[in-house]
All heavy atoms as atom14 arrays in JSON, in Angstrom:
{
  "sequence": "ISRSIDRVDTLTIESKGRNDFVTQVDRSAEA",
  "atom14_mask": [
    [1, 1, 1, 1, 1, 1, 1, 1, 0, 0, 0, 0, 0, 0],
    [1, 1, 1, 1, 1, 1, 0, 0, 0, 0, 0, 0, 0, 0],
    [1, 1, 1, 1, 1, 1, 1, 1, 1, 1, 1, 0, 0, 0],
    [1, 1, 1, 1, 1, 1, 0, 0, 0, 0, 0, 0, 0, 0],
    [1, 1, 1, 1, 1, 1, 1, 1, 0, 0, 0, 0, 0, 0],
    [1, 1, 1, 1, 1, 1, 1, 1, 0, 0, 0, 0, 0, 0],
    [1, 1, 1, 1, 1, 1, 1, 1, 1, 1, 1, 0, 0, 0],
    [1, 1, 1, 1, 1, 1, 1, 0, 0, 0, 0, 0, 0, 0],
    [1, 1, 1, 1, 1, 1, 1, 1, 0, 0, 0, 0, 0, 0],
    [1, 1, 1, 1, 1, 1, 1, 0, 0, 0, 0, 0, 0, 0],
    [1, 1, 1, 1, 1, 1, 1, 1, 0, 0, 0, 0, 0, 0],
    [1, 1, 1, 1, 1, 1, 1, 0, 0, 0, 0, 0, 0, 0],
    [1, 1, 1, 1, 1, 1, 1, 1, 0, 0, 0, 0, 0, 0],
    [1, 1, 1, 1, 1, 1, 1, 1, 1, 0, 0, 0, 0, 0],
    [1, 1, 1, 1, 1, 1, 0, 0, 0, 0, 0, 0, 0, 0],
    [1, 1, 1, 1, 1, 1, 1, 1, 1, 0, 0, 0, 0, 0],
    [1, 1, 1, 1, 0, 0, 0, 0, 0, 0, 0, 0, 0, 0],
    [1, 1, 1, 1, 1, 1, 1, 1, 1, 1, 1, 0, 0, 0],
    [1, 1, 1, 1, 1, 1, 1, 1, 0, 0, 0, 0, 0, 0],
    [1, 1, 1, 1, 1, 1, 1, 1, 0, 0, 0, 0, 0, 0],
    [1, 1, 1, 1, 1, 1, 1, 1, 1, 1, 1, 0, 0, 0],
    [1, 1, 1, 1, 1, 1, 1, 0, 0, 0, 0, 0, 0, 0],
    [1, 1, 1, 1, 1, 1, 1, 0, 0, 0, 0, 0, 0, 0],
    [1, 1, 1, 1, 1, 1, 1, 1, 1, 0, 0, 0, 0, 0],
    [1, 1, 1, 1, 1, 1, 1, 0, 0, 0, 0, 0, 0, 0],
    [1, 1, 1, 1, 1, 1, 1, 1, 0, 0, 0, 0, 0, 0],
    [1, 1, 1, 1, 1, 1, 1, 1, 1, 1, 1, 0, 0, 0],
    [1, 1, 1, 1, 1, 1, 0, 0, 0, 0, 0, 0, 0, 0],
    [1, 1, 1, 1, 1, 0, 0, 0, 0, 0, 0, 0, 0, 0],
    [1, 1, 1, 1, 1, 1, 1, 1, 1, 0, 0, 0, 0, 0],
    [1, 1, 1, 1, 1, 0, 0, 0, 0, 0, 0, 0, 0, 0]
  ],
  "atom14_positions": [
    [[-35.41, 68.34, 165.7], [-34.37, 67.69, 164.9], [-34.8, 66.26, 164.55], [-34.65, 65.81, 163.4], [-33.03, 67.68, 165.66], [-32.49, 69.12, 165.78], [-32.01, 66.79, 164.96], [-31.36, 69.27, 166.78], [0.0, 0.0, 0.0], [0.0, 0.0, 0.0], [0.0, 0.0, 0.0], [0.0, 0.0, 0.0], [0.0, 0.0, 0.0], [0.0, 0.0, 0.0]],
    [[-35.35, 65.54, 165.51], [-35.78, 64.16, 165.27], [-36.85, 64.08, 164.19], [-36.84, 63.17, 163.36], [-36.3, 63.54, 166.58], [-35.26, 63.41, 167.53], [0.0, 0.0, 0.0], [0.0, 0.0, 0.0], [0.0, 0.0, 0.0], [0.0, 0.0, 0.0], [0.0, 0.0, 0.0], [0.0, 0.0, 0.0], [0.0, 0.0, 0.0], [0.0, 0.0, 0.0]],
    [[-37.75, 65.05, 164.2], [-38.81, 65.05, 163.18], [-38.26, 65.37, 161.79], [-38.93, 65.12, 160.78], [-39.9, 66.07, 163.55], [-40.69, 65.72, 164.79], [-41.95, 66.57, 164.9], [-41.66, 67.99, 164.97], [-41.45, 68.67, 166.1], [-41.47, 68.03, 167.27], [-41.22, 69.96, 166.08], [0.0, 0.0, 0.0], [0.0, 0.0, 0.0], [0.0, 0.0, 0.0]],
    [[-37.05, 65.92, 161.75], [-36.46, 66.32, 160.47], [-35.58, 65.23, 159.86], [-35.16, 65.36, 158.7], [-35.61, 67.58, 160.67], [-36.38, 68.64, 161.22], [0.0, 0.0, 0.0], [0.0, 0.0, 0.0], [0.0, 0.0, 0.0], [0.0, 0.0, 0.0], [0.0, 0.0, 0.0], [0.0, 0.0, 0.0], [0.0, 0.0, 0.0], [0.0, 0.0, 0.0]],
    [[-35.3, 64.17, 160.6], [-34.36, 63.15, 160.13], [-34.83, 62.51, 158.84], [-34.03, 62.24, 157.92], [-34.13, 62.09, 161.23], [-33.33, 62.7, 162.38], [-33.4, 60.88, 160.66], [-33.17, 61.79, 163.58], [0.0, 0.0, 0.0], [0.0, 0.0, 0.0], [0.0, 0.0, 0.0], [0.0, 0.0, 0.0], [0.0, 0.0, 0.0], [0.0, 0.0, 0.0]],
    [[-36.13, 62.26, 158.73], [-36.65, 61.55, 157.56], [-36.76, 62.43, 156.32], [-37.14, 61.94, 155.25], [-38.02, 60.94, 157.87], [-37.92, 59.8, 158.88], [-36.84, 59.19, 158.95], [-38.9, 59.53, 159.59], [0.0, 0.0, 0.0], [0.0, 0.0, 0.0], [0.0, 0.0, 0.0], [0.0, 0.0, 0.0], [0.0, 0.0, 0.0], [0.0, 0.0, 0.0]],
    [[-36.48, 63.72, 156.45], [-36.57, 64.59, 155.27], [-35.25, 65.29, 154.97], [-35.23, 66.36, 154.37], [-37.7, 65.62, 155.46], [-37.58, 66.51, 156.68], [-38.79, 67.44, 156.81], [-38.66, 68.36, 157.92], [-38.08, 69.56, 157.84], [-37.58, 69.97, 156.7], [-38.01, 70.34, 158.9], [0.0, 0.0, 0.0], [0.0, 0.0, 0.0], [0.0, 0.0, 0.0]],
    [[-34.16, 64.65, 155.38], [-32.83, 65.22, 155.14], [-32.6, 65.49, 153.66], [-31.99, 66.5, 153.28], [-31.73, 64.29, 155.7], [-30.36, 64.67, 155.14], [-31.71, 64.35, 157.22], [0.0, 0.0, 0.0], [0.0, 0.0, 0.0], [0.0, 0.0, 0.0], [0.0, 0.0, 0.0], [0.0, 0.0, 0.0], [0.0, 0.0, 0.0], [0.0, 0.0, 0.0]],
    [[-33.11, 64.6, 152.79], [-32.87, 64.76, 151.36], [-33.57, 65.96, 150.76], [-33.29, 66.36, 149.63], [-33.27, 63.49, 150.6], [-34.74, 63.12, 150.81], [-35.33, 63.56, 151.82], [-35.29, 62.4, 149.97], [0.0, 0.0, 0.0], [0.0, 0.0, 0.0], [0.0, 0.0, 0.0], [0.0, 0.0, 0.0], [0.0, 0.0, 0.0], [0.0, 0.0, 0.0]],
    [[-34.49, 66.58, 151.51], [-35.21, 67.75, 151.0], [-34.63, 69.06, 151.56], [-35.09, 70.14, 151.19], [-36.7, 67.69, 151.38], [-36.86, 67.88, 152.8], [-37.31, 66.36, 150.97], [0.0, 0.0, 0.0], [0.0, 0.0, 0.0], [0.0, 0.0, 0.0], [0.0, 0.0, 0.0], [0.0, 0.0, 0.0], [0.0, 0.0, 0.0], [0.0, 0.0, 0.0]],
    [[-33.65, 68.98, 152.45], [-33.14, 70.17, 153.11], [-32.23, 70.97, 152.2], [-31.5, 70.42, 151.37], [-32.36, 69.78, 154.37], [-33.12, 69.06, 155.47], [-32.18, 68.71, 156.62], [-34.28, 69.9, 155.98], [0.0, 0.0, 0.0], [0.0, 0.0, 0.0], [0.0, 0.0, 0.0], [0.0, 0.0, 0.0], [0.0, 0.0, 0.0], [0.0, 0.0, 0.0]],
    [[-32.27, 72.27, 152.37], [-31.32, 73.16, 151.72], [-30.07, 73.21, 152.58], [-30.12, 73.56, 153.75], [-31.9, 74.57, 151.56], [-33.09, 74.5, 150.77], [-30.89, 75.49, 150.9], [0.0, 0.0, 0.0], [0.0, 0.0, 0.0], [0.0, 0.0, 0.0], [0.0, 0.0, 0.0], [0.0, 0.0, 0.0], [0.0, 0.0, 0.0], [0.0, 0.0, 0.0]],
    [[-28.94, 72.83, 151.98], [-27.68, 72.77, 152.72], [-26.76, 73.87, 152.23], [-26.51, 74.0, 151.03], [-27.01, 71.39, 152.54], [-27.96, 70.27, 152.98], [-25.71, 71.32, 153.32], [-27.49, 68.89, 152.58], [0.0, 0.0, 0.0], [0.0, 0.0, 0.0], [0.0, 0.0, 0.0], [0.0, 0.0, 0.0], [0.0, 0.0, 0.0], [0.0, 0.0, 0.0]],
    [[-26.26, 74.66, 153.16], [-25.32, 75.72, 152.83], [-23.97, 75.4, 153.45], [-23.89, 74.73, 154.47], [-25.81, 77.07, 153.35], [-27.15, 77.51, 152.77], [-27.66, 78.77, 153.43], [-26.82, 79.54, 153.95], [-28.88, 78.98, 153.45], [0.0, 0.0, 0.0], [0.0, 0.0, 0.0], [0.0, 0.0, 0.0], [0.0, 0.0, 0.0], [0.0, 0.0, 0.0]],
    [[-22.91, 75.89, 152.83], [-21.57, 75.69, 153.34], [-21.06, 76.97, 153.98], [-21.07, 78.03, 153.36], [-20.62, 75.26, 152.22], [-19.29, 75.17, 152.7], [0.0, 0.0, 0.0], [0.0, 0.0, 0.0], [0.0, 0.0, 0.0], [0.0, 0.0, 0.0], [0.0, 0.0, 0.0], [0.0, 0.0, 0.0], [0.0, 0.0, 0.0], [0.0, 0.0, 0.0]],
    [[-20.63, 76.87, 155.26], [-20.02, 78.01, 155.93], [-18.51, 78.01, 155.75], [-17.81, 78.94, 156.15], [-20.36, 77.98, 157.43], [-21.83, 78.14, 157.73], [-22.08, 78.33, 159.21], [-21.87, 77.06, 159.99], [-22.24, 77.22, 161.43], [0.0, 0.0, 0.0], [0.0, 0.0, 0.0], [0.0, 0.0, 0.0], [0.0, 0.0, 0.0], [0.0, 0.0, 0.0]],
    [[-18.01, 76.93, 155.16], [-16.59, 76.75, 154.96], [-16.37, 75.3, 154.58], [-17.31, 74.51, 154.52], [0.0, 0.0, 0.0], [0.0, 0.0, 0.0], [0.0, 0.0, 0.0], [0.0, 0.0, 0.0], [0.0, 0.0, 0.0], [0.0, 0.0, 0.0], [0.0, 0.0, 0.0], [0.0, 0.0, 0.0], [0.0, 0.0, 0.0], [0.0, 0.0, 0.0]],
    [[-15.13, 74.95, 154.34], [-14.83, 73.57, 153.95], [-15.25, 72.61, 155.06], [-14.85, 72.73, 156.2], [-13.34, 73.42, 153.65], [-12.97, 72.04, 153.11], [-11.55, 72.02, 152.56], [-11.22, 70.69, 152.08], [-10.59, 69.78, 152.83], [-10.24, 70.08, 154.07], [-10.32, 68.59, 152.35], [0.0, 0.0, 0.0], [0.0, 0.0, 0.0], [0.0, 0.0, 0.0]],
    [[-16.1, 71.64, 154.69], [-16.6, 70.64, 155.64], [-17.33, 71.27, 156.83], [-17.31, 70.73, 157.94], [-15.46, 69.74, 156.15], [-14.95, 68.81, 155.07], [-15.54, 68.71, 153.99], [-13.86, 68.13, 155.34], [0.0, 0.0, 0.0], [0.0, 0.0, 0.0], [0.0, 0.0, 0.0], [0.0, 0.0, 0.0], [0.0, 0.0, 0.0], [0.0, 0.0, 0.0]],
    [[-17.96, 72.4, 156.62], [-18.71, 73.08, 157.67], [-20.06, 73.47, 157.09], [-20.17, 74.44, 156.34], [-17.95, 74.31, 158.16], [-18.6, 74.95, 159.38], [-19.55, 74.37, 159.92], [-18.14, 76.03, 159.78], [0.0, 0.0, 0.0], [0.0, 0.0, 0.0], [0.0, 0.0, 0.0], [0.0, 0.0, 0.0], [0.0, 0.0, 0.0], [0.0, 0.0, 0.0]],
    [[-21.09, 72.7, 157.42], [-22.38, 72.86, 156.78], [-23.43, 73.36, 157.77], [-23.34, 73.14, 158.97], [-22.84, 71.53, 156.18], [-21.87, 70.94, 155.2], [-21.05, 69.88, 155.54], [-21.75, 71.47, 153.92], [-20.14, 69.35, 154.65], [-20.85, 70.95, 153.01], [-20.05, 69.89, 153.38], [0.0, 0.0, 0.0], [0.0, 0.0, 0.0], [0.0, 0.0, 0.0]],
    [[-24.45, 74.01, 157.21], [-25.58, 74.46, 158.0], [-26.85, 74.23, 157.19], [-26.86, 74.36, 155.97], [-25.44, 75.96, 158.4], [-25.42, 76.85, 157.17], [-26.55, 76.36, 159.35], [0.0, 0.0, 0.0], [0.0, 0.0, 0.0], [0.0, 0.0, 0.0], [0.0, 0.0, 0.0], [0.0, 0.0, 0.0], [0.0, 0.0, 0.0], [0.0, 0.0, 0.0]],
    [[-27.92, 73.87, 157.87], [-29.21, 73.65, 157.22], [-30.27, 74.48, 157.94], [-30.02, 75.05, 159.01], [-29.63, 72.17, 157.29], [-30.0, 71.85, 158.65], [-28.51, 71.25, 156.84], [0.0, 0.0, 0.0], [0.0, 0.0, 0.0], [0.0, 0.0, 0.0], [0.0, 0.0, 0.0], [0.0, 0.0, 0.0], [0.0, 0.0, 0.0], [0.0, 0.0, 0.0]],
    [[-31.47, 74.5, 157.36], [-32.55, 75.19, 158.04], [-32.92, 74.5, 159.35], [-33.52, 75.11, 160.23], [-33.79, 75.33, 157.14], [-34.44, 74.01, 156.73], [-34.04, 73.61, 155.32], [-32.86, 73.65, 154.97], [-35.02, 73.22, 154.52], [0.0, 0.0, 0.0], [0.0, 0.0, 0.0], [0.0, 0.0, 0.0], [0.0, 0.0, 0.0], [0.0, 0.0, 0.0]],
    [[-32.53, 73.23, 159.5], [-32.77, 72.53, 160.76], [-31.93, 73.16, 161.87], [-32.42, 73.4, 162.98], [-32.48, 71.03, 160.63], [-32.59, 70.33, 161.99], [-33.44, 70.38, 159.64], [0.0, 0.0, 0.0], [0.0, 0.0, 0.0], [0.0, 0.0, 0.0], [0.0, 0.0, 0.0], [0.0, 0.0, 0.0], [0.0, 0.0, 0.0], [0.0, 0.0, 0.0]],
    [[-30.65, 73.42, 161.57], [-29.79, 74.1, 162.56], [-30.41, 75.43, 162.98], [-30.52, 75.72, 164.18], [-28.41, 74.38, 161.97], [-27.65, 73.14, 161.55], [-28.06, 72.51, 160.55], [-26.66, 72.81, 162.2], [0.0, 0.0, 0.0], [0.0, 0.0, 0.0], [0.0, 0.0, 0.0], [0.0, 0.0, 0.0], [0.0, 0.0, 0.0], [0.0, 0.0, 0.0]],
    [[-30.81, 76.23, 161.98], [-31.33, 77.56, 162.29], [-32.66, 77.49, 163.02], [-32.91, 78.25, 163.96], [-31.46, 78.35, 160.99], [-30.11, 78.65, 160.32], [-30.26, 79.67, 159.21], [-28.97, 80.04, 158.64], [-28.51, 79.62, 157.48], [-29.26, 78.8, 156.73], [-27.33, 80.0, 157.02], [0.0, 0.0, 0.0], [0.0, 0.0, 0.0], [0.0, 0.0, 0.0]],
    [[-33.52, 76.6, 162.6], [-34.83, 76.49, 163.25], [-34.71, 75.93, 164.66], [-35.42, 76.36, 165.57], [-35.77, 75.6, 162.42], [-36.04, 76.19, 161.16], [0.0, 0.0, 0.0], [0.0, 0.0, 0.0], [0.0, 0.0, 0.0], [0.0, 0.0, 0.0], [0.0, 0.0, 0.0], [0.0, 0.0, 0.0], [0.0, 0.0, 0.0], [0.0, 0.0, 0.0]],
    [[-33.8, 74.98, 164.85], [-33.58, 74.43, 166.19], [-33.06, 75.51, 167.13], [-33.48, 75.6, 168.29], [-32.61, 73.26, 166.13], [0.0, 0.0, 0.0], [0.0, 0.0, 0.0], [0.0, 0.0, 0.0], [0.0, 0.0, 0.0], [0.0, 0.0, 0.0], [0.0, 0.0, 0.0], [0.0, 0.0, 0.0], [0.0, 0.0, 0.0], [0.0, 0.0, 0.0]],
    [[-32.14, 76.36, 166.63], [-31.65, 77.46, 167.46], [-32.77, 78.44, 167.78], [-32.88, 78.94, 168.93], [-30.5, 78.18, 166.77], [-29.88, 79.29, 167.63], [-28.5, 79.66, 167.16], [-27.63, 78.76, 167.06], [-28.26, 80.85, 166.89], [0.0, 0.0, 0.0], [0.0, 0.0, 0.0], [0.0, 0.0, 0.0], [0.0, 0.0, 0.0], [0.0, 0.0, 0.0]],
    [[-33.62, 78.72, 166.81], [-34.75, 79.61, 167.05], [-35.69, 79.05, 168.12], [-36.21, 79.79, 168.97], [-35.52, 79.85, 165.75], [0.0, 0.0, 0.0], [0.0, 0.0, 0.0], [0.0, 0.0, 0.0], [0.0, 0.0, 0.0], [0.0, 0.0, 0.0], [0.0, 0.0, 0.0], [0.0, 0.0, 0.0], [0.0, 0.0, 0.0], [0.0, 0.0, 0.0]]
  ]
}
């Protein structure tokens, strides 16, 4: 996650609901 902070603007952001977001960082960190 720390290594991803500087590239937040390049992330694909998906919405799971209103004000509920997920990125590939969430998924990769869980993996």
